[in-house]
Amino acid sequence: VDIIFHIVAALLLLVACSFILYYAMLNIMNPSRDSILHLVNDVLLALIILELLWTIIRFLKKQKFILGPFLAIGIIAAVRRILLIEAQTSFMEHVPVEKLYEIGLSAVVIIILMFAYYLSVKAQKIEQ
């Protein structure tokens, strides 16, 4: 039953990624400032979904669990959030301080996740 649920989840993730990439292609057809921002947002979301899909595939192949894909998802999500905030504030005359704090916090999260990724790769090398 567990394997069946993982297969269904993988298929649903694949369908979701397909729709996101379809809408990304539509954004390419109508280039504008907003559509380019949506394109980048959609592509980064597709990358997050694909990382989750690879994790499910690793489970189905009975391969060892690794932390790297989840750290990559976190890094991509933080970069995606920074880009979204930048896009929102680019139209504002005055940028709220809260938005600047959020960008700074996302940057700190990226640095922490990069350090965690470095540690996980180093631990894998020591383990081997």
N, C-alpha and C. Protein backbone atom coordinates (compact mmCIF):
# COMPACT_ATOMS: atom_id res chain seq x y z
N VAL A 1 0.84 -1.19 0.00
CA VAL A 1 0.00 0.00 0.00
C VAL A 1 0.88 1.25 0.00
N ASP A 2 1.97 1.19 0.77
CA ASP A 2 2.88 2.33 0.84
C ASP A 2 3.48 2.63 -0.53
N ILE A 3 3.85 1.60 -1.26
CA ILE A 3 4.44 1.79 -2.59
C ILE A 3 3.41 2.37 -3.56
N ILE A 4 2.18 1.91 -3.46
CA ILE A 4 1.12 2.42 -4.34
C ILE A 4 0.90 3.91 -4.10
N PHE A 5 0.87 4.32 -2.83
CA PHE A 5 0.70 5.74 -2.52
C PHE A 5 1.87 6.57 -3.04
N HIS A 6 3.07 6.05 -2.94
CA HIS A 6 4.23 6.77 -3.46
C HIS A 6 4.18 6.89 -4.99
N ILE A 7 3.71 5.85 -5.65
CA ILE A 7 3.59 5.90 -7.11
C ILE A 7 2.53 6.92 -7.52
N VAL A 8 1.39 6.93 -6.82
CA VAL A 8 0.34 7.90 -7.11
C VAL A 8 0.85 9.32 -6.85
N ALA A 9 1.57 9.51 -5.75
CA ALA A 9 2.12 10.83 -5.44
C ALA A 9 3.11 11.27 -6.52
N ALA A 10 3.94 10.34 -6.99
CA ALA A 10 4.91 10.67 -8.05
C ALA A 10 4.18 11.07 -9.33
N LEU A 11 3.15 10.35 -9.67
CA LEU A 11 2.40 10.68 -10.89
C LEU A 11 1.71 12.05 -10.76
N LEU A 12 1.15 12.33 -9.59
CA LEU A 12 0.52 13.63 -9.39
C LEU A 12 1.54 14.76 -9.44
N LEU A 13 2.73 14.53 -8.88
CA LEU A 13 3.78 15.53 -8.96
C LEU A 13 4.20 15.77 -10.41
N LEU A 14 4.27 14.70 -11.17
CA LEU A 14 4.63 14.82 -12.58
C LEU A 14 3.58 15.61 -13.36
N VAL A 15 2.31 15.36 -13.07
CA VAL A 15 1.22 16.10 -13.72
C VAL A 15 1.29 17.58 -13.33
N ALA A 16 1.51 17.84 -12.03
CA ALA A 16 1.59 19.23 -11.57
C ALA A 16 2.76 19.95 -12.24
N CYS A 17 3.88 19.29 -12.35
CA CYS A 17 5.06 19.89 -12.99
C CYS A 17 4.78 20.16 -14.47
N SER A 18 4.07 19.26 -15.11
CA SER A 18 3.72 19.45 -16.51
C SER A 18 2.85 20.69 -16.71
N PHE A 19 1.86 20.87 -15.83
CA PHE A 19 1.00 22.05 -15.93
C PHE A 19 1.79 23.33 -15.68
N ILE A 20 2.68 23.30 -14.70
CA ILE A 20 3.48 24.48 -14.40
C ILE A 20 4.36 24.85 -15.59
N LEU A 21 5.00 23.85 -16.19
CA LEU A 21 5.85 24.11 -17.35
C LEU A 21 5.03 24.57 -18.55
N TYR A 22 3.79 24.06 -18.69
CA TYR A 22 2.90 24.52 -19.76
C TYR A 22 2.62 26.01 -19.59
N TYR A 23 2.28 26.43 -18.37
CA TYR A 23 2.01 27.84 -18.13
C TYR A 23 3.27 28.68 -18.28
N ALA A 24 4.42 28.10 -17.98
CA ALA A 24 5.68 28.81 -18.20
C ALA A 24 5.89 29.05 -19.69
N MET A 25 5.56 28.06 -20.50
CA MET A 25 5.68 28.22 -21.95
C MET A 25 4.73 29.30 -22.46
N LEU A 26 3.54 29.38 -21.89
CA LEU A 26 2.61 30.45 -22.27
C LEU A 26 3.18 31.82 -21.94
N ASN A 27 3.91 31.91 -20.81
CA ASN A 27 4.53 33.19 -20.45
C ASN A 27 5.62 33.59 -21.43
N ILE A 28 6.28 32.61 -22.03
CA ILE A 28 7.31 32.92 -23.03
C ILE A 28 6.67 33.49 -24.29
N MET A 29 5.48 32.99 -24.61
CA MET A 29 4.80 33.44 -25.84
C MET A 29 4.36 34.90 -25.76
N ASN A 30 4.08 35.40 -24.57
CA ASN A 30 3.63 36.78 -24.38
C ASN A 30 4.62 37.50 -23.47
N PRO A 31 5.78 37.87 -23.99
CA PRO A 31 6.79 38.47 -23.12
C PRO A 31 6.40 39.86 -22.62
N SER A 32 6.49 40.02 -21.33
CA SER A 32 6.31 41.31 -20.67
C SER A 32 7.05 41.22 -19.35
N ARG A 33 7.08 42.31 -18.64
CA ARG A 33 7.79 42.31 -17.36
C ARG A 33 7.15 41.32 -16.39
N ASP A 34 5.85 41.33 -16.30
CA ASP A 34 5.16 40.41 -15.39
C ASP A 34 5.31 38.97 -15.84
N SER A 35 5.22 38.72 -17.14
CA SER A 35 5.28 37.33 -17.61
C SER A 35 6.66 36.73 -17.39
N ILE A 36 7.71 37.53 -17.50
CA ILE A 36 9.06 37.03 -17.26
C ILE A 36 9.22 36.67 -15.78
N LEU A 37 8.68 37.50 -14.89
CA LEU A 37 8.74 37.18 -13.47
C LEU A 37 7.96 35.91 -13.15
N HIS A 38 6.80 35.76 -13.78
CA HIS A 38 6.02 34.54 -13.60
C HIS A 38 6.76 33.33 -14.16
N LEU A 39 7.45 33.53 -15.26
CA LEU A 39 8.23 32.45 -15.87
C LEU A 39 9.30 31.95 -14.91
N VAL A 40 10.06 32.87 -14.34
CA VAL A 40 11.10 32.48 -13.38
C VAL A 40 10.48 31.80 -12.17
N ASN A 41 9.39 32.33 -11.68
CA ASN A 41 8.69 31.74 -10.54
C ASN A 41 8.22 30.32 -10.87
N ASP A 42 7.64 30.14 -12.05
CA ASP A 42 7.14 28.82 -12.45
C ASP A 42 8.27 27.81 -12.61
N VAL A 43 9.36 28.24 -13.20
CA VAL A 43 10.49 27.32 -13.40
C VAL A 43 11.08 26.89 -12.06
N LEU A 44 11.22 27.83 -11.13
CA LEU A 44 11.74 27.46 -9.81
C LEU A 44 10.77 26.53 -9.07
N LEU A 45 9.47 26.76 -9.22
CA LEU A 45 8.50 25.86 -8.61
C LEU A 45 8.58 24.47 -9.24
N ALA A 46 8.78 24.41 -10.54
CA ALA A 46 8.94 23.12 -11.21
C ALA A 46 10.18 22.39 -10.70
N LEU A 47 11.26 23.13 -10.45
CA LEU A 47 12.47 22.51 -9.90
C LEU A 47 12.22 21.93 -8.51
N ILE A 48 11.45 22.64 -7.70
CA ILE A 48 11.10 22.12 -6.37
C ILE A 48 10.32 20.83 -6.49
N ILE A 49 9.35 20.81 -7.38
CA ILE A 49 8.53 19.61 -7.58
C ILE A 49 9.38 18.45 -8.09
N LEU A 50 10.29 18.74 -9.01
CA LEU A 50 11.15 17.67 -9.54
C LEU A 50 12.07 17.11 -8.46
N GLU A 51 12.56 17.95 -7.56
CA GLU A 51 13.38 17.45 -6.45
C GLU A 51 12.56 16.51 -5.57
N LEU A 52 11.31 16.87 -5.32
CA LEU A 52 10.43 15.98 -4.55
C LEU A 52 10.19 14.67 -5.29
N LEU A 53 10.03 14.77 -6.60
CA LEU A 53 9.80 13.57 -7.41
C LEU A 53 11.01 12.64 -7.34
N TRP A 54 12.22 13.20 -7.42
CA TRP A 54 13.42 12.37 -7.33
C TRP A 54 13.54 11.69 -5.97
N THR A 55 13.07 12.36 -4.93
CA THR A 55 13.09 11.75 -3.60
C THR A 55 12.17 10.54 -3.56
N ILE A 56 11.00 10.65 -4.17
CA ILE A 56 10.07 9.53 -4.22
C ILE A 56 10.65 8.39 -5.05
N ILE A 57 11.29 8.72 -6.16
CA ILE A 57 11.90 7.69 -7.01
C ILE A 57 13.00 6.96 -6.25
N ARG A 58 13.80 7.70 -5.47
CA ARG A 58 14.84 7.06 -4.66
C ARG A 58 14.22 6.09 -3.65
N PHE A 59 13.08 6.49 -3.06
CA PHE A 59 12.39 5.61 -2.12
C PHE A 59 11.92 4.34 -2.82
N LEU A 60 11.33 4.50 -4.00
CA LEU A 60 10.81 3.34 -4.72
C LEU A 60 11.93 2.40 -5.16
N LYS A 61 13.10 2.94 -5.42
CA LYS A 61 14.24 2.10 -5.80
C LYS A 61 14.95 1.51 -4.58
N LYS A 62 14.43 1.81 -3.40
CA LYS A 62 15.00 1.34 -2.14
C LYS A 62 16.42 1.85 -1.93
N GLN A 63 16.69 3.05 -2.42
CA GLN A 63 18.00 3.64 -2.23
C GLN A 63 18.06 4.35 -0.89
N LYS A 64 19.26 4.62 -0.46
CA LYS A 64 19.49 5.26 0.82
C LYS A 64 18.95 6.69 0.81
N PHE A 65 18.38 7.10 1.93
CA PHE A 65 17.86 8.46 2.07
C PHE A 65 19.03 9.45 2.15
N ILE A 66 18.93 10.52 1.38
CA ILE A 66 19.93 11.57 1.46
C ILE A 66 19.23 12.91 1.72
N LEU A 67 19.93 13.77 2.40
CA LEU A 67 19.36 15.05 2.82
C LEU A 67 19.47 16.12 1.75
N GLY A 68 20.39 15.96 0.80
CA GLY A 68 20.67 16.97 -0.20
C GLY A 68 19.48 17.52 -0.95
N PRO A 69 18.59 16.67 -1.45
CA PRO A 69 17.45 17.22 -2.20
C PRO A 69 16.55 18.13 -1.37
N PHE A 70 16.38 17.82 -0.09
CA PHE A 70 15.54 18.68 0.76
C PHE A 70 16.21 20.02 1.03
N LEU A 71 17.52 20.00 1.17
CA LEU A 71 18.24 21.26 1.33
C LEU A 71 18.18 22.07 0.04
N ALA A 72 18.26 21.41 -1.12
CA ALA A 72 18.13 22.10 -2.40
C ALA A 72 16.73 22.71 -2.54
N ILE A 73 15.72 21.98 -2.10
CA ILE A 73 14.35 22.51 -2.14
C ILE A 73 14.25 23.77 -1.30
N GLY A 74 14.84 23.74 -0.12
CA GLY A 74 14.82 24.92 0.75
C GLY A 74 15.53 26.11 0.13
N ILE A 75 16.67 25.86 -0.50
CA ILE A 75 17.43 26.94 -1.14
C ILE A 75 16.64 27.52 -2.31
N ILE A 76 16.08 26.65 -3.13
CA ILE A 76 15.29 27.12 -4.28
C ILE A 76 14.07 27.91 -3.80
N ALA A 77 13.41 27.42 -2.75
CA ALA A 77 12.23 28.12 -2.22
C ALA A 77 12.61 29.50 -1.68
N ALA A 78 13.73 29.60 -1.00
CA ALA A 78 14.16 30.90 -0.45
C ALA A 78 14.52 31.86 -1.58
N VAL A 79 15.21 31.38 -2.60
CA VAL A 79 15.53 32.23 -3.76
C VAL A 79 14.25 32.68 -4.46
N ARG A 80 13.33 31.75 -4.58
CA ARG A 80 12.04 32.06 -5.22
C ARG A 80 11.32 33.15 -4.44
N ARG A 81 11.36 33.06 -3.11
CA ARG A 81 10.70 34.06 -2.26
C ARG A 81 11.36 35.43 -2.42
N ILE A 82 12.69 35.45 -2.47
CA ILE A 82 13.40 36.72 -2.65
C ILE A 82 13.01 37.35 -3.99
N LEU A 83 12.97 36.55 -5.04
CA LEU A 83 12.59 37.08 -6.35
C LEU A 83 11.16 37.60 -6.36
N LEU A 84 10.26 36.91 -5.67
CA LEU A 84 8.87 37.35 -5.60
C LEU A 84 8.75 38.68 -4.86
N ILE A 85 9.46 38.80 -3.75
CA ILE A 85 9.42 40.06 -2.99
C ILE A 85 10.01 41.19 -3.82
N GLU A 86 11.12 40.91 -4.49
CA GLU A 86 11.72 41.93 -5.34
C GLU A 86 10.77 42.37 -6.44
N ALA A 87 10.05 41.42 -7.01
CA ALA A 87 9.10 41.76 -8.07
C ALA A 87 7.97 42.61 -7.52
N GLN A 88 7.49 42.27 -6.34
CA GLN A 88 6.40 43.04 -5.73
C GLN A 88 6.84 44.46 -5.38
N THR A 89 8.04 44.57 -4.84
CA THR A 89 8.49 45.89 -4.39
C THR A 89 9.03 46.75 -5.53
N SER A 90 9.28 46.17 -6.69
CA SER A 90 9.81 46.98 -7.80
C SER A 90 8.79 47.99 -8.30
N PHE A 91 7.53 47.76 -8.03
CA PHE A 91 6.49 48.68 -8.46
C PHE A 91 6.14 49.71 -7.39
N MET A 92 6.69 49.55 -6.19
CA MET A 92 6.38 50.44 -5.08
C MET A 92 7.32 51.63 -5.07
N GLU A 93 6.77 52.77 -4.66
CA GLU A 93 7.61 53.95 -4.53
C GLU A 93 8.45 53.86 -3.26
N HIS A 94 7.84 53.35 -2.19
CA HIS A 94 8.52 53.21 -0.91
C HIS A 94 8.43 51.74 -0.48
N VAL A 95 9.57 51.12 -0.26
CA VAL A 95 9.60 49.70 0.12
C VAL A 95 9.41 49.60 1.63
N PRO A 96 8.38 48.83 2.08
CA PRO A 96 8.20 48.65 3.52
C PRO A 96 9.39 47.93 4.15
N VAL A 97 9.69 48.30 5.38
CA VAL A 97 10.82 47.71 6.09
C VAL A 97 10.62 46.20 6.28
N GLU A 98 9.37 45.78 6.43
CA GLU A 98 9.08 44.35 6.62
C GLU A 98 9.57 43.53 5.43
N LYS A 99 9.43 44.09 4.24
CA LYS A 99 9.88 43.38 3.03
C LYS A 99 11.40 43.24 3.03
N LEU A 100 12.09 44.27 3.49
CA LEU A 100 13.55 44.21 3.56
C LEU A 100 13.99 43.18 4.59
N TYR A 101 13.28 43.12 5.73
CA TYR A 101 13.58 42.10 6.74
C TYR A 101 13.37 40.70 6.18
N GLU A 102 12.30 40.55 5.41
CA GLU A 102 12.00 39.24 4.83
C GLU A 102 13.07 38.81 3.82
N ILE A 103 13.55 39.75 3.03
CA ILE A 103 14.63 39.45 2.09
C ILE A 103 15.89 39.06 2.86
N GLY A 104 16.21 39.81 3.89
CA GLY A 104 17.38 39.50 4.71
C GLY A 104 17.27 38.15 5.38
N LEU A 105 16.08 37.84 5.90
CA LEU A 105 15.88 36.54 6.54
C LEU A 105 16.01 35.41 5.53
N SER A 106 15.47 35.60 4.33
CA SER A 106 15.61 34.58 3.29
C SER A 106 17.08 34.38 2.91
N ALA A 107 17.84 35.46 2.88
CA ALA A 107 19.27 35.35 2.57
C ALA A 107 20.00 34.57 3.66
N VAL A 108 19.64 34.82 4.91
CA VAL A 108 20.24 34.07 6.02
C VAL A 108 19.87 32.60 5.93
N VAL A 109 18.63 32.31 5.59
CA VAL A 109 18.19 30.92 5.43
C VAL A 109 19.00 30.24 4.33
N ILE A 110 19.23 30.93 3.23
CA ILE A 110 20.03 30.36 2.13
C ILE A 110 21.44 30.04 2.60
N ILE A 111 22.05 30.95 3.35
CA ILE A 111 23.40 30.71 3.85
C ILE A 111 23.43 29.51 4.79
N ILE A 112 22.45 29.41 5.68
CA ILE A 112 22.40 28.29 6.61
C ILE A 112 22.19 26.97 5.86
N LEU A 113 21.30 26.97 4.88
CA LEU A 113 21.06 25.74 4.11
C LEU A 113 22.28 25.35 3.28
N MET A 114 22.99 26.33 2.75
CA MET A 114 24.22 26.03 2.01
C MET A 114 25.26 25.39 2.93
N PHE A 115 25.38 25.91 4.16
CA PHE A 115 26.30 25.34 5.13
C PHE A 115 25.88 23.93 5.51
N ALA A 116 24.57 23.73 5.69
CA ALA A 116 24.05 22.39 6.01
C ALA A 116 24.32 21.42 4.86
N TYR A 117 24.18 21.89 3.63
CA TYR A 117 24.47 21.05 2.47
C TYR A 117 25.95 20.67 2.45
N TYR A 118 26.81 21.64 2.72
CA TYR A 118 28.24 21.39 2.78
C TYR A 118 28.54 20.32 3.84
N LEU A 119 27.93 20.45 5.01
CA LEU A 119 28.14 19.46 6.07
C LEU A 119 27.63 18.08 5.68
N SER A 120 26.49 18.03 5.00
CA SER A 120 25.94 16.72 4.62
C SER A 120 26.83 16.04 3.57
N VAL A 121 27.37 16.81 2.64
CA VAL A 121 28.28 16.23 1.63
C VAL A 121 29.56 15.75 2.31
N LYS A 122 30.06 16.53 3.23
CA LYS A 122 31.28 16.14 3.96
C LYS A 122 31.02 14.87 4.78
N ALA A 123 29.85 14.77 5.42
CA ALA A 123 29.51 13.58 6.19
C ALA A 123 29.38 12.36 5.31
N GLN A 124 28.83 12.52 4.10
CA GLN A 124 28.73 11.39 3.17
C GLN A 124 30.12 10.90 2.75
N LYS A 125 31.04 11.82 2.53
CA LYS A 125 32.40 11.43 2.16
C LYS A 125 33.08 10.68 3.29
N ILE A 126 32.88 11.15 4.52
CA ILE A 126 33.47 10.47 5.67
C ILE A 126 32.86 9.09 5.84
N GLU A 127 31.56 8.98 5.61
CA GLU A 127 30.86 7.71 5.75
C GLU A 127 31.37 6.68 4.74
N GLN A 128 31.74 7.13 3.56
CA GLN A 128 32.21 6.21 2.52
C GLN A 128 33.64 5.84 2.83
